[in-house]
Amino acid sequence: MEFMLDQAQTDFGRTLDRMLGGADTPRAVRAWARGEHAPGRAVWGRLAEAGVTGLAVPEAYEGVGPLPVELGVAYVAAGRHAVPGPLAETAAAAVLLAALAEGGTARAGQAAGHWLPRIADGRALVTLAAADGGPYALDADAADAVFAVEGEELWLAPGHGPVQPSFDPARRLARPLPGGEPLARGLAVATAAARAADWAAFATAALSLGTGLALVERTAAYVKQRTQFGRPIGSFQAVKHRLADALIGLEFARPLLYGAAVALASTPANEARAEVAAAKVAAGEAAYTAARTALQLHGALGYTEEYDLSLWIRKARALRTAWGSPSVCRSRVLTAASSRPDRS
């Protein structure tokens, strides 16, 4: 599939990149990891002002979406600047609530009417725990609402358990508490949850792509400065090859990401799963390769928590398995390929 962003989408991404570049996100990430959410919420507010938080919310609920292509553009920028918080989960929760409200579930419709306008304008930061994302809710301690799906049941959790350690300290994981307010039950919940999981996987792929691009950019700048044998190490052929391989992987993932966005926008619910899985595994593996390359070329410096590079390295590793591990995503792609009719 040949896909190119139009001028408005390209300008949107550049605007977000400039805005986040002046937001001191490394400081916000470190504060978030300590459980101090104010700096991160300030960055979230900037995204809301730019319209990012309304991209997954339908116009009927004061959003501008669903616009998966634009959301992909925005989340690549967010990943490039390591924005903390449940970005993918908030978008997925918006898709879930909107789908259930559209299906005529009265209580879910009330929840959608209450929460979706708040998500759209940035007043509410919410998170979601569902089967595809594992038993934990990301950043439940910072969220205004924790939605949980188990089987064919959706409820608004009354709180969360203890925050668990994560490979990425800025990804704070906690189990939703049982009980709370039931919102919907039945097959419609499972169907809507699968659609929401596809959006979460797609958003995670976009964050991975942005994270990988930041790692390559930072490493390319570093190897021009670090010298060995009287020469910048960036002039060595082996270093050039490692960076080129990392960048090629990311650039191959980019069209898969936007192809998945087109599929989410144009195909019936839950029929874009294979395209999303392909984008997720490609972007996640490419970002992980970029992280390994960055760590090796920075040497021991890359291990230190005080050095900003570590924020992106840890994020790339965590995003690789969030909302679909590489093996799960590959299985989905192969299953879809095997089910297609033979046209030979």
Protein backbone atom coordinates (compact mmCIF):
# COMPACT_ATOMS: atom_id res chain seq x y z
CA MET A 1 0.00 0.00 0.00
CA GLU A 2 1.30 3.44 -0.91
CA PHE A 3 0.38 6.02 1.69
CA MET A 4 1.58 9.56 2.22
CA LEU A 5 0.38 12.13 4.72
CA ASP A 6 -1.25 15.20 3.25
CA GLN A 7 0.06 18.68 3.98
CA ALA A 8 -2.34 19.33 6.86
CA GLN A 9 -1.37 16.08 8.58
CA THR A 10 2.33 16.78 8.07
CA ASP A 11 1.96 20.29 9.48
CA PHE A 12 0.03 18.89 12.45
CA GLY A 13 2.89 16.56 13.28
CA ARG A 14 5.48 19.31 12.97
CA THR A 15 3.46 21.62 15.18
CA LEU A 16 3.19 18.97 17.89
CA ASP A 17 6.88 18.20 17.59
CA ARG A 18 7.81 21.84 18.15
CA MET A 19 5.35 22.19 21.00
CA LEU A 20 6.55 19.09 22.82
CA GLY A 21 10.15 20.04 22.18
CA GLY A 22 9.65 23.01 24.50
CA ALA A 23 7.70 21.10 27.17
CA ASP A 24 10.71 19.61 29.05
CA THR A 25 9.20 16.13 28.87
CA PRO A 26 12.24 14.39 30.47
CA ARG A 27 11.52 16.26 33.71
CA ALA A 28 7.84 15.31 33.45
CA VAL A 29 8.75 11.65 32.86
CA ARG A 30 11.01 11.50 35.91
CA ALA A 31 8.37 13.15 38.08
CA TRP A 32 5.72 10.75 36.75
CA ALA A 33 7.92 7.78 37.70
CA ARG A 34 7.99 9.11 41.28
CA GLY A 35 4.20 9.38 41.35
CA GLU A 36 4.23 13.17 40.90
CA HIS A 37 1.77 13.82 38.09
CA ALA A 38 1.51 17.61 37.84
CA PRO A 39 4.27 18.12 35.21
CA GLY A 40 2.89 15.26 33.12
CA ARG A 41 -0.65 16.58 33.38
CA ALA A 42 0.65 19.94 32.17
CA VAL A 43 2.03 18.23 29.05
CA TRP A 44 -1.31 16.46 28.69
CA GLY A 45 -3.01 19.86 28.81
CA ARG A 46 -0.86 21.06 25.92
CA LEU A 47 -1.89 18.04 23.88
CA ALA A 48 -5.53 18.77 24.68
CA GLU A 49 -5.17 22.37 23.51
CA ALA A 50 -3.77 21.06 20.23
CA GLY A 51 -6.79 18.78 19.80
CA VAL A 52 -4.97 15.48 20.34
CA THR A 53 -7.24 14.19 23.10
CA GLY A 54 -10.31 14.54 20.88
CA LEU A 55 -9.00 12.45 17.98
CA ALA A 56 -10.54 9.17 19.18
CA VAL A 57 -13.76 10.78 20.43
CA PRO A 58 -16.73 11.05 18.01
CA GLU A 59 -18.09 14.47 17.12
CA ALA A 60 -21.35 13.61 18.91
CA TYR A 61 -19.38 13.77 22.17
CA GLU A 62 -17.50 16.99 21.40
CA GLY A 63 -14.52 15.26 19.83
CA VAL A 64 -13.24 15.46 16.25
CA GLY A 65 -12.88 11.77 15.52
CA PRO A 66 -12.47 9.02 15.19
CA LEU A 67 -9.43 10.01 13.13
CA PRO A 68 -6.84 7.19 13.32
CA VAL A 69 -4.42 8.73 10.82
CA GLU A 70 -4.20 11.99 12.74
CA LEU A 71 -3.98 10.06 16.01
CA GLY A 72 -1.05 8.12 14.58
CA VAL A 73 0.68 11.37 13.62
CA ALA A 74 0.11 12.77 17.11
CA TYR A 75 1.29 9.66 18.94
CA VAL A 76 4.46 9.39 16.86
CA ALA A 77 5.26 12.91 18.10
CA ALA A 78 4.33 11.90 21.65
CA GLY A 79 6.64 8.88 21.44
CA ARG A 80 9.44 10.99 20.03
CA HIS A 81 9.26 13.16 23.15
CA ALA A 82 8.51 10.34 25.64
CA VAL A 83 5.24 11.90 26.84
CA PRO A 84 4.15 10.05 30.02
CA GLY A 85 0.67 8.79 30.78
CA PRO A 86 -1.93 6.31 29.46
CA LEU A 87 -2.15 7.73 25.96
CA ALA A 88 -3.08 4.48 24.23
CA GLU A 89 -5.43 3.47 27.01
CA THR A 90 -7.33 6.77 27.02
CA ALA A 91 -7.90 6.51 23.26
CA ALA A 92 -8.98 2.87 23.60
CA ALA A 93 -11.40 3.69 26.42
CA ALA A 94 -12.96 6.41 24.25
CA VAL A 95 -13.45 3.94 21.39
CA LEU A 96 -14.93 1.37 23.77
CA LEU A 97 -17.44 3.74 25.37
CA ALA A 98 -18.49 5.21 22.03
CA ALA A 99 -19.04 1.75 20.52
CA LEU A 100 -21.17 0.58 23.43
CA ALA A 101 -23.19 3.79 23.48
CA GLU A 102 -23.84 3.41 19.76
CA GLY A 103 -25.01 -0.14 20.40
CA GLY A 104 -27.79 1.12 22.63
CA THR A 105 -26.52 0.10 26.08
CA ALA A 106 -28.23 2.63 28.33
CA ARG A 107 -25.77 2.70 31.21
CA ALA A 108 -22.81 2.73 28.85
CA GLY A 109 -24.51 5.58 26.99
CA GLN A 110 -24.68 7.55 30.21
CA ALA A 111 -21.01 6.82 30.90
CA ALA A 112 -20.11 7.90 27.37
CA GLY A 113 -22.07 11.13 27.76
CA HIS A 114 -20.26 11.85 31.02
CA TRP A 115 -16.69 10.83 30.18
CA LEU A 116 -16.18 11.32 26.44
CA PRO A 117 -16.55 15.14 26.41
CA ARG A 118 -14.10 15.27 29.32
CA ILE A 119 -11.64 13.06 27.48
CA ALA A 120 -12.02 15.16 24.34
CA ASP A 121 -11.16 18.47 25.98
CA GLY A 122 -8.45 17.04 28.22
CA ARG A 123 -10.25 17.37 31.54
CA ALA A 124 -10.20 13.60 32.09
CA LEU A 125 -7.28 11.20 31.83
CA VAL A 126 -8.61 7.65 31.92
CA THR A 127 -7.15 4.18 31.64
CA LEU A 128 -8.34 0.74 30.62
CA ALA A 129 -7.61 -2.82 31.69
CA ALA A 130 -8.67 -5.48 29.20
CA ALA A 131 -7.62 -8.96 28.15
CA ASP A 132 -5.35 -7.85 25.29
CA GLY A 133 -3.51 -5.46 27.59
CA GLY A 134 -3.05 -7.85 30.51
CA PRO A 135 -4.49 -7.66 34.03
CA TYR A 136 -3.01 -4.28 34.87
CA ALA A 137 -4.26 -0.76 34.19
CA LEU A 138 -1.53 1.63 33.15
CA ASP A 139 -1.18 4.72 35.36
CA ALA A 140 -4.33 3.98 37.34
CA ASP A 141 -2.91 6.10 40.17
CA ALA A 142 -2.98 9.15 37.89
CA ALA A 143 -6.28 8.43 36.11
CA ASP A 144 -9.60 10.10 36.75
CA ALA A 145 -11.36 6.84 35.85
CA VAL A 146 -10.28 3.21 35.57
CA PHE A 147 -12.40 1.13 33.18
CA ALA A 148 -12.06 -2.64 33.30
CA VAL A 149 -13.23 -5.36 30.93
CA GLU A 150 -13.40 -9.03 31.84
CA GLY A 151 -15.06 -11.35 29.38
CA GLU A 152 -18.39 -9.77 28.52
CA GLU A 153 -18.51 -7.31 31.41
CA LEU A 154 -17.42 -3.67 31.60
CA TRP A 155 -17.28 -1.78 34.86
CA LEU A 156 -15.91 1.44 36.31
CA ALA A 157 -13.47 0.28 38.98
CA PRO A 158 -13.71 1.84 42.45
CA GLY A 159 -9.93 2.19 42.65
CA HIS A 160 -6.74 0.24 42.13
CA GLY A 161 -4.32 -1.97 44.00
CA PRO A 162 -0.65 -1.26 44.77
CA VAL A 163 1.50 0.13 41.96
CA GLN A 164 3.78 -2.62 40.65
CA PRO A 165 7.37 -2.15 39.44
CA SER A 166 7.84 -1.96 35.68
CA PHE A 167 10.84 -2.14 33.37
CA ASP A 168 9.95 1.45 32.49
CA PRO A 169 9.47 3.30 35.82
CA ALA A 170 7.23 5.84 34.08
CA ARG A 171 4.75 3.05 33.20
CA ARG A 172 3.02 2.56 36.55
CA LEU A 173 0.94 -0.61 36.62
CA ALA A 174 -1.84 -1.52 39.05
CA ARG A 175 -4.74 -3.97 39.11
CA PRO A 176 -8.24 -2.45 39.12
CA LEU A 177 -10.17 -3.24 42.29
CA PRO A 178 -13.18 -5.53 41.88
CA GLY A 179 -16.68 -4.23 42.26
CA GLY A 180 -17.49 -0.69 41.31
CA GLU A 181 -20.14 0.46 38.87
CA PRO A 182 -21.21 -2.03 36.16
CA LEU A 183 -21.63 -0.30 32.80
CA ALA A 184 -22.44 -3.04 30.29
CA ARG A 185 -22.71 -6.79 29.90
CA GLY A 186 -23.05 -9.15 26.96
CA LEU A 187 -21.53 -9.94 23.58
CA ALA A 188 -21.48 -6.24 22.65
CA VAL A 189 -18.87 -5.66 25.37
CA ALA A 190 -16.52 -8.31 23.97
CA THR A 191 -16.94 -6.94 20.43
CA ALA A 192 -16.35 -3.33 21.49
CA ALA A 193 -13.40 -4.36 23.68
CA ALA A 194 -11.75 -6.08 20.71
CA ARG A 195 -12.13 -2.91 18.66
CA ALA A 196 -10.73 -0.83 21.51
CA ALA A 197 -7.77 -3.22 21.83
CA ASP A 198 -7.00 -2.71 18.14
CA TRP A 199 -6.90 1.04 18.73
CA ALA A 200 -4.68 0.56 21.78
CA ALA A 201 -2.29 -1.62 19.78
CA PHE A 202 -2.25 0.90 16.95
CA ALA A 203 -1.58 3.79 19.34
CA THR A 204 1.20 1.78 20.99
CA ALA A 205 2.75 1.14 17.57
CA ALA A 206 2.75 4.88 16.87
CA LEU A 207 4.38 5.57 20.24
CA SER A 208 6.99 2.90 19.46
CA LEU A 209 7.78 4.44 16.10
CA GLY A 210 8.28 7.86 17.66
CA THR A 211 10.42 6.38 20.43
CA GLY A 212 12.64 4.59 17.92
CA LEU A 213 13.05 7.72 15.81
CA ALA A 214 14.13 9.70 18.88
CA LEU A 215 16.69 7.03 19.78
CA VAL A 216 18.21 7.06 16.29
CA GLU A 217 18.28 10.87 16.17
CA ARG A 218 19.92 11.18 19.58
CA THR A 219 22.45 8.47 18.80
CA ALA A 220 23.33 9.96 15.41
CA ALA A 221 24.05 13.27 17.13
CA TYR A 222 26.13 11.57 19.82
CA VAL A 223 28.39 9.58 17.47
CA LYS A 224 29.33 12.81 15.71
CA GLN A 225 30.69 14.16 19.00
CA ARG A 226 32.33 11.12 20.61
CA THR A 227 35.85 10.51 19.32
CA GLN A 228 38.07 7.45 19.26
CA PHE A 229 41.53 7.16 17.69
CA GLY A 230 41.26 10.87 16.96
CA ARG A 231 38.10 10.56 14.86
CA PRO A 232 34.34 10.82 15.55
CA ILE A 233 33.02 7.29 15.94
CA GLY A 234 30.24 8.20 13.54
CA SER A 235 32.80 8.07 10.74
CA PHE A 236 33.40 4.35 11.31
CA GLN A 237 31.68 2.08 8.84
CA ALA A 238 30.37 -0.33 11.48
CA VAL A 239 28.67 2.51 13.36
CA LYS A 240 27.09 3.84 10.18
CA HIS A 241 25.74 0.39 9.36
CA ARG A 242 24.18 -0.08 12.81
CA LEU A 243 22.39 3.27 12.62
CA ALA A 244 21.33 2.68 9.02
CA ASP A 245 19.85 -0.71 9.90
CA ALA A 246 17.93 0.81 12.82
CA LEU A 247 16.57 3.64 10.67
CA ILE A 248 15.57 1.32 7.82
CA GLY A 249 13.53 -0.78 10.25
CA LEU A 250 11.69 2.29 11.46
CA GLU A 251 11.03 3.57 7.95
CA PHE A 252 9.67 0.17 6.91
CA ALA A 253 7.32 0.30 9.89
CA ARG A 254 5.98 3.74 9.01
CA PRO A 255 3.81 2.75 5.98
CA LEU A 256 2.49 -0.25 7.92
CA LEU A 257 1.43 2.11 10.71
CA TYR A 258 -0.51 4.42 8.40
CA GLY A 259 -1.86 1.49 6.43
CA ALA A 260 -3.31 0.21 9.71
CA ALA A 261 -4.77 3.68 10.33
CA VAL A 262 -6.54 3.57 6.97
CA ALA A 263 -7.86 0.09 7.80
CA LEU A 264 -9.19 1.28 11.15
CA ALA A 265 -10.93 4.17 9.45
CA SER A 266 -12.39 2.30 6.50
CA THR A 267 -13.12 -1.32 7.47
CA PRO A 268 -15.90 -2.73 9.65
CA ALA A 269 -15.22 -3.18 13.36
CA ASN A 270 -12.55 -5.77 14.20
CA GLU A 271 -11.57 -6.38 10.55
CA ALA A 272 -8.41 -4.30 10.78
CA ARG A 273 -6.77 -6.55 13.37
CA ALA A 274 -4.18 -8.08 11.02
CA GLU A 275 -3.08 -4.69 9.68
CA VAL A 276 -2.78 -3.33 13.22
CA ALA A 277 -0.82 -6.39 14.33
CA ALA A 278 1.60 -6.02 11.43
CA ALA A 279 2.19 -2.37 12.30
CA LYS A 280 2.57 -3.19 16.00
CA VAL A 281 5.19 -5.89 15.53
CA ALA A 282 7.12 -3.90 12.91
CA ALA A 283 7.22 -0.68 14.95
CA GLY A 284 7.88 -2.45 18.23
CA GLU A 285 10.76 -4.54 16.89
CA ALA A 286 12.25 -1.57 15.03
CA ALA A 287 12.15 0.59 18.17
CA TYR A 288 13.69 -2.23 20.21
CA THR A 289 16.49 -2.54 17.63
CA ALA A 290 17.01 1.23 17.82
CA ALA A 291 17.23 0.97 21.62
CA ARG A 292 19.86 -1.78 21.48
CA THR A 293 21.82 0.20 18.91
CA ALA A 294 21.63 3.38 20.98
CA LEU A 295 22.76 1.54 24.10
CA GLN A 296 25.73 -0.08 22.37
CA LEU A 297 26.92 3.08 20.62
CA HIS A 298 26.63 5.17 23.78
CA GLY A 299 28.59 2.61 25.77
CA ALA A 300 28.31 2.66 29.55
CA LEU A 301 26.79 6.14 29.39
CA GLY A 302 23.58 4.64 28.02
CA TYR A 303 23.01 2.64 31.21
CA THR A 304 22.87 5.63 33.55
CA GLU A 305 19.47 6.78 34.78
CA GLU A 306 20.67 10.37 34.93
CA TYR A 307 21.18 10.42 31.16
CA ASP A 308 17.97 11.20 29.26
CA LEU A 309 18.60 8.45 26.71
CA SER A 310 17.59 5.86 29.32
CA LEU A 311 14.02 7.21 29.30
CA TRP A 312 13.58 6.23 25.65
CA ILE A 313 15.49 2.95 25.92
CA ARG A 314 13.23 1.70 28.71
CA LYS A 315 10.12 2.91 26.95
CA ALA A 316 11.01 1.06 23.73
CA ARG A 317 11.38 -2.21 25.64
CA ALA A 318 8.07 -1.79 27.49
CA LEU A 319 6.07 -0.72 24.42
CA ARG A 320 7.33 -3.76 22.49
CA THR A 321 5.08 -6.07 24.51
CA ALA A 322 2.26 -3.70 25.50
CA TRP A 323 -1.11 -4.50 23.86
CA GLY A 324 0.25 -7.45 21.91
CA SER A 325 3.65 -9.13 22.15
CA PRO A 326 5.62 -9.77 18.94
CA SER A 327 4.62 -13.45 18.95
CA VAL A 328 0.92 -12.62 19.41
CA CYS A 329 1.02 -10.03 16.62
CA ARG A 330 2.82 -12.38 14.22
CA SER A 331 0.25 -15.06 14.95
CA ARG A 332 -2.58 -12.67 14.08
CA VAL A 333 -0.93 -11.71 10.80
CA LEU A 334 -0.34 -15.35 9.84
CA THR A 335 -3.87 -16.37 10.80
CA ALA A 336 -5.31 -13.62 8.63
CA ALA A 337 -3.05 -14.54 5.72
CA SER A 338 -3.98 -18.22 5.90
CA SER A 339 -7.69 -17.45 5.93
CA ARG A 340 -7.61 -15.43 2.73
CA PRO A 341 -8.83 -17.20 -0.42
CA ASP A 342 -6.15 -18.51 -2.77
CA ARG A 343 -6.26 -16.35 -5.91
CA SER A 344 -3.57 -18.22 -7.80
